Amino acid sequence: NVAIGAAGIEALLDLRGAPDAAGREMQATVIAVADQLASAADLAGGKVAQRPVVVVRGFDWRPSEEGASVLVMESGRDLFL
């Protein structure tokens, strides 16, 4: 699943430069938070359970005004185009 929008939350979580569990500096880790939340909601709701809404609790979100446009990669860097 993918997010089709993101309003008021940080859509990307950039962890480059942060230490990993072993203490090594992460070089390329940028998490698409909006997509991950969409996937978690799908798992929680179930494909055939006919639950149109899922409430996700406990996620430590960060406010942002950027929106989902940050999820779109420029065509020169996109591996799938």
Protein backbone atom coordinates (compact mmCIF):
# COMPACT_ATOMS: atom_id res chain seq x y z
CA ASN A 1 0.00 0.00 0.00
CA VAL A 2 1.00 3.59 -0.56
CA ALA A 3 -0.22 6.90 0.79
CA ILE A 4 -2.17 9.09 -1.60
CA GLY A 5 -1.64 12.13 0.61
CA ALA A 6 -0.13 13.43 3.82
CA ALA A 7 -1.50 16.48 5.60
CA GLY A 8 0.06 17.91 8.73
CA ILE A 9 2.58 15.11 9.28
CA GLU A 10 6.15 14.65 8.14
CA ALA A 11 5.86 12.31 5.12
CA LEU A 12 9.57 11.39 5.12
CA LEU A 13 11.81 10.59 8.09
CA ASP A 14 15.45 11.20 7.15
CA LEU A 15 17.73 9.08 9.32
CA ARG A 16 20.94 9.68 7.34
CA GLY A 17 23.74 10.46 9.76
CA ALA A 18 21.98 8.88 12.74
CA PRO A 19 23.56 5.82 14.41
CA ASP A 20 22.05 2.40 13.73
CA ALA A 21 21.61 -0.29 16.41
CA ALA A 22 25.31 -1.20 16.14
CA GLY A 23 26.42 2.43 16.38
CA ARG A 24 27.34 2.81 12.69
CA GLU A 25 26.28 5.98 10.88
CA MET A 26 23.36 5.38 8.52
CA GLN A 27 24.12 6.54 4.99
CA ALA A 28 20.92 6.12 3.00
CA THR A 29 17.95 5.53 5.32
CA VAL A 30 14.97 7.75 4.51
CA ILE A 31 11.65 6.25 5.62
CA ALA A 32 8.45 7.06 3.73
CA VAL A 33 6.39 7.50 6.90
CA ALA A 34 3.10 8.12 5.09
CA ASP A 35 3.49 4.89 3.07
CA GLN A 36 4.47 2.89 6.16
CA LEU A 37 1.39 4.13 8.04
CA ALA A 38 -0.81 3.17 5.07
CA SER A 39 0.71 -0.32 5.09
CA ALA A 40 0.27 -0.69 8.86
CA ALA A 41 -3.37 0.37 8.57
CA ASP A 42 -3.92 -2.22 5.85
CA LEU A 43 -2.44 -4.97 8.03
CA ALA A 44 -4.51 -3.89 11.04
CA GLY A 45 -7.75 -3.61 9.07
CA GLY A 46 -7.37 -6.72 6.96
CA LYS A 47 -8.01 -6.95 3.23
CA VAL A 48 -11.33 -8.76 3.46
CA ALA A 49 -12.55 -7.69 6.92
CA GLN A 50 -14.58 -4.83 5.44
CA ARG A 51 -13.21 -2.28 7.93
CA PRO A 52 -13.19 1.08 6.16
CA VAL A 53 -11.30 2.89 8.94
CA VAL A 54 -8.31 1.96 11.10
CA VAL A 55 -7.06 4.06 14.03
CA VAL A 56 -3.27 3.99 14.40
CA ARG A 57 -2.14 4.84 17.93
CA GLY A 58 1.28 5.27 19.47
CA PHE A 59 3.09 6.67 16.45
CA ASP A 60 5.40 9.54 17.45
CA TRP A 61 4.64 11.82 14.50
CA ARG A 62 6.19 15.15 13.65
CA PRO A 63 4.14 18.07 12.33
CA SER A 64 4.95 19.37 8.85
CA GLU A 65 3.45 21.60 6.19
CA GLU A 66 5.27 19.89 3.28
CA GLY A 67 2.58 17.37 2.37
CA ALA A 68 2.99 14.31 0.17
CA SER A 69 4.86 16.13 -2.61
CA VAL A 70 8.13 15.18 -0.86
CA LEU A 71 7.33 11.52 -1.63
CA VAL A 72 7.65 12.14 -5.38
CA MET A 73 11.18 11.51 -6.63
CA GLU A 74 12.56 13.52 -9.53
CA SER A 75 12.48 11.49 -12.75
CA GLY A 76 16.27 11.42 -13.18
CA ARG A 77 16.66 9.58 -9.85
CA ASP A 78 13.57 7.35 -10.04
CA LEU A 79 14.54 3.70 -10.61
CA PHE A 80 11.03 2.74 -11.74
CA LEU A 81 10.61 5.15 -14.65
